[in-house]
Amino acid sequence: MKTIYVITGQTATGKTAYAIKLAQKINGEVINADSRQVYKHLTIVTGKDLQLTDRVFHTKEKTNCFDIGYYKCTDENTLLWLYDIVEPWSEFSAYDYKICALEVIDDIVKRGKTPIIVGGSYLYIKNLLYDTVNTQIPPNKKLRDQLSKLSVEELQKKLYSYTSSTLQSLNESDQRNPHRLIRKIEIEEGRSEHKSRQYFESLSKLYHINLFGYYYQNREDMKSVIAVRVSERTKNGAVEETEQLLKQGYSGDSPGFNAIGYQQIISYLENKITKQQMIDVWIIKEVQYAKRQYTFMKQNRDIVWTAV
C-alpha cells in the first residue's frame, strides 16, 4: 500500500518548510491544506511567501469550477499544489477540498511520486483522511441563501423538524452557530440525493498514512513568533494588498476575506480602528486560532507530535 505523508499543526510552526524538505528526501510533491491559501489573489496576508514559478494547470478543463494546478518552488525545485484554485467570492468547503485533493493525489501517485499534504486547516485534513463529516453532500448555494435569512431560532426549528437527535447532539455553542445549523440542514436536505452522487473513499482506506503534527510547547514563544509574522506581513504590504483587492471590486463579505487579518485590515481602512489596534487584534486572533487548532488536533491519536 502506497504511503502518504500529512504534516499539520499550529499556525506559524514551519509546516510548509518541513514538507518541502521531506519532499526533497523522498521524491515527493506538496499539496496545500490551508483554507486561506486556496484563494486566488490573497497572498501576503495568507502567507504565500515562497519563491514560486509561473503556475502550471493540471488539465485544460476545470474540476468542479476549480483551477487545479501547481507552482514550482524555485529554490527547492519542488511542486506545490492547490494554491490559488478559487476566487475570493466563492465558497470552498471540505467537500470541495476533498474532490481537488483526491484528484491531485491520484496524479502524483500515478507518476511514481509521494504526496505530502501540509496545512493547518484540520477540517480539510480530517475529512480527507477519515470522512468524519458527510462530505458526500456538497454545499447548496441556493439553499444556503434561503437559510441565511432565518434567525438562529428558526434554523433550530427547521433542523429539529428533520431530526431532533441531530440538534440535541450539538453542543451549546454549535446550537447557536448559524453556519453549523445551516450545514446540518443542508445535509438533511441532500440525503435523498446522496445515493446518486459519486462516492469518494476516505484516504485512510486507500493509503498508508504517516501523520505528523507540530505544536508550540511554550505559548509565549508562539505569541512571539505570531507577532513577528504579523508585523512582517504588515510591512510587506498586507494593507496595500487588501486595499487593492477592494478597489478591484472584491467585497469584504466574501468567503475568502474571512481569513484572519483581512477583517482587521478592512476595519483599519474604514477608520474604525488605528493601525496599531489592527496589528494587535490580528495577533490576538491568530493566537486564538492556534490554540483552537491544537485543541481539535490533539484528540487524534494517530498524530505523531513534535514540539517547536
Protein backbone atom coordinates (compact mmCIF):
# COMPACT_ATOMS: atom_id res chain seq x y z
CA MET A 1 0.00 0.00 0.00
CA LYS A 2 1.35 3.41 -1.01
CA THR A 3 2.35 5.76 1.82
CA ILE A 4 1.13 9.35 2.02
CA TYR A 5 2.54 11.91 4.41
CA VAL A 6 0.45 14.52 6.20
CA ILE A 7 2.03 17.43 8.06
CA THR A 8 -0.29 19.53 10.20
CA GLY A 9 -0.20 21.51 13.42
CA GLN A 10 -0.49 25.00 14.78
CA THR A 11 -0.05 28.09 12.68
CA ALA A 12 3.48 29.53 12.37
CA THR A 13 5.27 26.27 13.21
CA GLY A 14 7.06 25.99 9.85
CA LYS A 15 4.93 23.18 8.44
CA THR A 16 5.47 24.05 4.77
CA ALA A 17 9.24 24.25 5.20
CA TYR A 18 9.22 20.80 6.82
CA ALA A 19 7.09 19.46 3.96
CA ILE A 20 9.43 20.81 1.28
CA LYS A 21 12.48 19.30 2.99
CA LEU A 22 10.69 15.96 3.21
CA ALA A 23 9.70 16.19 -0.47
CA GLN A 24 13.36 16.56 -1.43
CA LYS A 25 14.27 13.44 0.53
CA ILE A 26 11.52 11.10 -0.67
CA ASN A 27 10.78 12.30 -4.22
CA GLY A 28 7.57 13.96 -3.07
CA GLU A 29 5.22 16.73 -4.10
CA VAL A 30 3.44 19.05 -1.69
CA ILE A 31 -0.33 19.57 -1.51
CA ASN A 32 -1.68 22.62 0.33
CA ALA A 33 -4.28 22.06 3.06
CA ASP A 34 -4.65 25.66 4.23
CA SER A 35 -8.17 27.03 3.79
CA ARG A 36 -6.81 30.54 3.35
CA GLN A 37 -4.22 29.75 0.70
CA VAL A 38 -6.66 28.05 -1.67
CA TYR A 39 -7.95 31.52 -2.60
CA LYS A 40 -6.55 33.46 -5.53
CA HIS A 41 -5.07 36.93 -5.05
CA LEU A 42 -4.94 36.55 -1.23
CA THR A 43 -1.18 36.34 -0.96
CA ILE A 44 0.57 38.44 1.67
CA VAL A 45 -1.96 38.12 4.48
CA THR A 46 -2.28 34.34 4.00
CA GLY A 47 1.48 33.78 3.93
CA LYS A 48 2.17 32.61 0.39
CA ASP A 49 5.76 33.71 0.83
CA LEU A 50 7.68 31.07 -1.13
CA GLN A 51 9.59 31.88 -4.30
CA LEU A 52 7.41 30.26 -6.97
CA THR A 53 7.49 29.91 -10.75
CA ASP A 54 4.53 30.59 -13.01
CA ARG A 55 1.58 28.32 -12.42
CA VAL A 56 1.03 25.17 -14.46
CA PHE A 57 -2.54 23.92 -14.73
CA HIS A 58 -3.27 20.23 -14.24
CA THR A 59 -5.73 19.97 -17.14
CA LYS A 60 -7.33 22.31 -19.65
CA GLU A 61 -10.70 21.65 -18.05
CA LYS A 62 -11.59 22.89 -14.59
CA THR A 63 -12.54 20.40 -11.88
CA ASN A 64 -15.92 21.40 -10.42
CA CYS A 65 -15.10 25.01 -11.42
CA PHE A 66 -11.76 24.92 -9.55
CA ASP A 67 -8.42 25.72 -11.20
CA ILE A 68 -6.24 22.83 -10.08
CA GLY A 69 -2.57 23.33 -10.80
CA TYR A 70 0.86 23.61 -9.26
CA TYR A 71 3.69 26.03 -8.72
CA LYS A 72 7.33 25.05 -8.57
CA CYS A 73 9.39 26.26 -5.62
CA THR A 74 12.32 27.81 -7.47
CA ASP A 75 14.99 27.18 -4.83
CA GLU A 76 13.99 23.61 -3.96
CA ASN A 77 12.56 22.52 -7.35
CA THR A 78 9.53 21.05 -5.54
CA LEU A 79 5.98 21.14 -6.88
CA LEU A 80 3.34 22.78 -4.68
CA TRP A 81 -0.32 22.05 -5.44
CA LEU A 82 -3.69 23.64 -4.53
CA TYR A 83 -2.64 27.23 -4.10
CA ASP A 84 -4.94 29.74 -5.86
CA ILE A 85 -7.73 27.46 -7.04
CA VAL A 86 -10.84 29.54 -6.28
CA GLU A 87 -11.88 33.20 -6.39
CA PRO A 88 -12.31 35.03 -3.05
CA TRP A 89 -16.06 35.46 -3.60
CA SER A 90 -16.62 31.68 -3.80
CA GLU A 91 -17.39 29.23 -1.04
CA PHE A 92 -14.87 26.40 -0.71
CA SER A 93 -15.93 23.56 1.55
CA ALA A 94 -14.37 20.40 2.94
CA TYR A 95 -16.29 18.58 0.19
CA ASP A 96 -14.65 20.77 -2.46
CA TYR A 97 -11.22 20.29 -0.93
CA LYS A 98 -11.63 16.52 -0.90
CA ILE A 99 -12.51 16.42 -4.61
CA CYS A 100 -9.48 18.54 -5.53
CA ALA A 101 -7.04 16.77 -3.19
CA LEU A 102 -8.01 13.29 -4.34
CA GLU A 103 -7.51 14.26 -7.98
CA VAL A 104 -4.04 15.62 -7.23
CA ILE A 105 -3.06 12.67 -5.04
CA ASP A 106 -4.07 10.25 -7.78
CA ASP A 107 -1.98 12.15 -10.33
CA ILE A 108 1.09 12.27 -8.09
CA VAL A 109 0.91 8.58 -7.25
CA LYS A 110 0.48 7.60 -10.91
CA ARG A 111 3.72 9.44 -11.71
CA GLY A 112 5.58 7.47 -9.03
CA LYS A 113 5.90 10.39 -6.62
CA THR A 114 4.83 10.64 -2.97
CA PRO A 115 2.05 13.05 -1.93
CA ILE A 116 2.79 15.25 1.10
CA ILE A 117 -0.27 17.08 2.41
CA VAL A 118 0.54 20.12 4.52
CA GLY A 119 -1.61 22.67 6.33
CA GLY A 120 -3.35 23.67 9.50
CA SER A 121 -6.94 23.50 8.28
CA TYR A 122 -7.77 20.40 10.24
CA LEU A 123 -11.36 20.14 9.00
CA TYR A 124 -9.99 19.63 5.49
CA ILE A 125 -7.47 17.05 6.64
CA LYS A 126 -9.81 15.22 8.99
CA ASN A 127 -12.48 14.76 6.33
CA LEU A 128 -9.94 13.76 3.71
CA LEU A 129 -8.39 11.11 5.96
CA TYR A 130 -11.39 9.74 7.82
CA ASP A 131 -14.54 11.01 6.10
CA THR A 132 -15.87 12.02 9.52
CA VAL A 133 -18.32 14.58 8.16
CA ASN A 134 -20.79 13.80 5.42
CA THR A 135 -18.78 15.42 2.64
CA GLN A 136 -20.67 13.39 0.03
CA ILE A 137 -23.37 16.07 0.18
CA PRO A 138 -21.86 19.23 -1.31
CA PRO A 139 -22.84 22.81 -0.48
CA ASN A 140 -26.15 24.03 -1.88
CA LYS A 141 -25.79 27.76 -2.56
CA LYS A 142 -29.46 28.33 -3.30
CA LEU A 143 -30.50 26.66 -0.05
CA ARG A 144 -27.80 28.49 1.90
CA ASP A 145 -29.01 31.84 0.58
CA GLN A 146 -32.53 30.99 1.75
CA LEU A 147 -31.43 29.75 5.16
CA SER A 148 -29.12 32.70 5.78
CA LYS A 149 -32.19 34.92 6.06
CA LEU A 150 -33.51 32.91 9.03
CA SER A 151 -32.77 33.59 12.69
CA VAL A 152 -30.90 31.09 14.85
CA GLU A 153 -34.19 30.06 16.48
CA GLU A 154 -35.80 29.47 13.08
CA LEU A 155 -32.82 27.41 11.95
CA GLN A 156 -33.04 25.32 15.12
CA LYS A 157 -36.74 24.65 14.50
CA LYS A 158 -36.07 23.68 10.88
CA LEU A 159 -33.31 21.26 11.84
CA TYR A 160 -35.48 19.85 14.62
CA SER A 161 -38.24 19.17 12.08
CA TYR A 162 -35.85 16.89 10.21
CA THR A 163 -34.26 15.18 13.18
CA SER A 164 -34.44 16.12 16.83
CA SER A 165 -31.44 13.92 17.66
CA THR A 166 -29.09 15.88 15.39
CA LEU A 167 -29.98 19.18 17.04
CA GLN A 168 -29.69 17.67 20.52
CA SER A 169 -26.29 16.16 19.68
CA LEU A 170 -24.79 19.61 19.05
CA ASN A 171 -23.07 21.38 21.89
CA GLU A 172 -24.49 24.68 23.14
CA SER A 173 -22.13 26.75 21.02
CA ASP A 174 -22.96 24.90 17.80
CA GLN A 175 -26.69 25.14 18.55
CA ARG A 176 -26.28 28.92 18.44
CA ASN A 177 -23.96 28.90 15.41
CA PRO A 178 -25.94 29.66 12.21
CA HIS A 179 -23.19 28.24 9.95
CA ARG A 180 -23.23 24.90 11.79
CA LEU A 181 -27.03 24.77 11.72
CA ILE A 182 -27.20 25.61 8.03
CA ARG A 183 -24.73 22.85 7.15
CA LYS A 184 -26.70 20.31 9.19
CA ILE A 185 -29.91 21.30 7.42
CA GLU A 186 -28.10 21.17 4.10
CA ILE A 187 -27.05 17.58 4.82
CA GLU A 188 -30.58 16.58 5.76
CA GLU A 189 -31.94 18.19 2.58
CA GLY A 190 -29.36 16.37 0.46
CA ARG A 191 -29.76 12.89 1.90
CA SER A 192 -32.34 11.92 -0.72
CA GLU A 193 -29.81 12.68 -3.46
CA HIS A 194 -26.92 11.05 -1.64
CA LYS A 195 -27.12 7.68 -3.39
CA SER A 196 -26.86 9.25 -6.83
CA ARG A 197 -23.64 11.11 -6.07
CA GLN A 198 -20.15 9.84 -6.75
CA TYR A 199 -18.70 8.27 -3.64
CA PHE A 200 -15.18 9.14 -2.57
CA GLU A 201 -13.36 6.78 -0.23
CA SER A 202 -11.60 8.29 2.74
CA LEU A 203 -7.86 8.49 2.23
CA SER A 204 -7.07 6.23 5.17
CA LYS A 205 -8.79 3.35 3.36
CA LEU A 206 -6.74 3.82 0.20
CA TYR A 207 -3.24 4.55 1.51
CA HIS A 208 -0.97 4.12 4.48
CA ILE A 209 -0.89 7.47 6.27
CA ASN A 210 2.07 8.93 8.15
CA LEU A 211 0.61 11.82 10.13
CA PHE A 212 2.85 14.38 11.81
CA GLY A 213 1.92 17.43 13.86
CA TYR A 214 3.88 20.44 15.11
CA TYR A 215 2.91 22.49 18.13
CA TYR A 216 4.28 25.15 20.45
CA GLN A 217 5.24 23.78 23.84
CA ASN A 218 5.66 27.31 25.14
CA ARG A 219 2.71 29.63 24.50
CA GLU A 220 4.82 32.75 24.93
CA ASP A 221 7.10 31.54 22.14
CA MET A 222 4.04 31.03 19.98
CA LYS A 223 2.76 34.53 20.66
CA SER A 224 6.20 35.99 19.90
CA VAL A 225 6.53 34.18 16.56
CA ILE A 226 2.99 35.13 15.53
CA ALA A 227 3.61 38.78 16.47
CA VAL A 228 6.74 38.86 14.30
CA ARG A 229 4.87 37.23 11.43
CA VAL A 230 2.02 39.76 11.56
CA SER A 231 4.48 42.62 11.74
CA GLU A 232 6.39 41.32 8.71
CA ARG A 233 3.24 40.85 6.66
CA THR A 234 2.11 44.36 7.51
CA LYS A 235 5.49 45.76 6.42
CA ASN A 236 5.44 43.65 3.25
CA GLY A 237 2.21 45.19 2.01
CA ALA A 238 -0.73 43.36 3.61
CA VAL A 239 -2.73 46.60 3.94
CA GLU A 240 -1.96 47.66 0.37
CA GLU A 241 -2.88 44.21 -0.95
CA THR A 242 -6.26 44.33 0.77
CA GLU A 243 -6.94 47.90 -0.34
CA GLN A 244 -6.15 47.00 -3.96
CA LEU A 245 -8.45 43.96 -3.91
CA LEU A 246 -11.30 46.06 -2.56
CA LYS A 247 -10.72 48.63 -5.31
CA GLN A 248 -10.91 45.81 -7.86
CA GLY A 249 -14.44 45.09 -6.69
CA TYR A 250 -13.97 42.26 -4.24
CA SER A 251 -16.24 42.51 -1.21
CA GLY A 252 -15.11 42.35 2.39
CA ASP A 253 -18.02 39.97 2.95
CA SER A 254 -16.60 37.42 0.51
CA PRO A 255 -15.70 33.98 1.96
CA GLY A 256 -12.02 34.48 1.14
CA PHE A 257 -11.88 37.58 3.31
CA ASN A 258 -12.91 35.55 6.36
CA ALA A 259 -9.21 34.76 6.70
CA ILE A 260 -7.68 36.22 9.85
CA GLY A 261 -6.03 39.52 9.04
CA TYR A 262 -8.33 40.74 6.30
CA GLN A 263 -11.22 41.74 8.56
CA GLN A 264 -8.83 43.63 10.83
CA ILE A 265 -7.23 45.39 7.88
CA ILE A 266 -10.64 46.30 6.45
CA SER A 267 -11.64 47.80 9.81
CA TYR A 268 -8.47 49.89 9.71
CA LEU A 269 -9.12 51.00 6.13
CA GLU A 270 -12.64 52.04 7.19
CA ASN A 271 -11.11 54.14 10.00
CA LYS A 272 -12.82 52.06 12.68
CA ILE A 273 -9.53 51.23 14.41
CA THR A 274 -5.97 52.52 14.36
CA LYS A 275 -3.13 50.71 12.61
CA GLN A 276 -1.70 49.54 15.93
CA GLN A 277 -5.10 48.26 17.01
CA MET A 278 -5.32 46.42 13.70
CA ILE A 279 -1.99 44.70 14.37
CA ASP A 280 -2.86 43.92 17.99
CA VAL A 281 -6.24 42.38 17.15
CA TRP A 282 -4.73 40.44 14.25
CA ILE A 283 -2.15 38.92 16.59
CA ILE A 284 -4.81 38.06 19.19
CA LYS A 285 -6.97 36.34 16.55
CA GLU A 286 -4.02 34.31 15.25
CA VAL A 287 -3.10 33.20 18.77
CA GLN A 288 -6.69 32.19 19.50
CA TYR A 289 -6.80 30.26 16.23
CA ALA A 290 -3.58 28.43 17.06
CA LYS A 291 -5.00 27.39 20.42
CA ARG A 292 -8.16 26.06 18.78
CA GLN A 293 -6.11 24.15 16.24
CA TYR A 294 -4.23 22.23 18.89
CA THR A 295 -7.37 21.61 20.94
CA PHE A 296 -9.01 19.84 17.98
CA MET A 297 -5.91 18.13 16.65
CA LYS A 298 -4.66 16.60 19.88
CA GLN A 299 -7.79 14.44 20.02
CA ASN A 300 -6.38 12.49 17.07
CA ARG A 301 -4.15 9.74 18.47
CA ASP A 302 -2.73 9.00 15.02
CA ILE A 303 -0.72 12.23 15.01
CA VAL A 304 2.96 11.98 15.95
CA TRP A 305 3.68 15.28 17.67
CA THR A 306 6.84 17.37 17.67
CA ALA A 307 7.27 20.46 19.85
CA VAL A 308 8.88 23.54 18.31
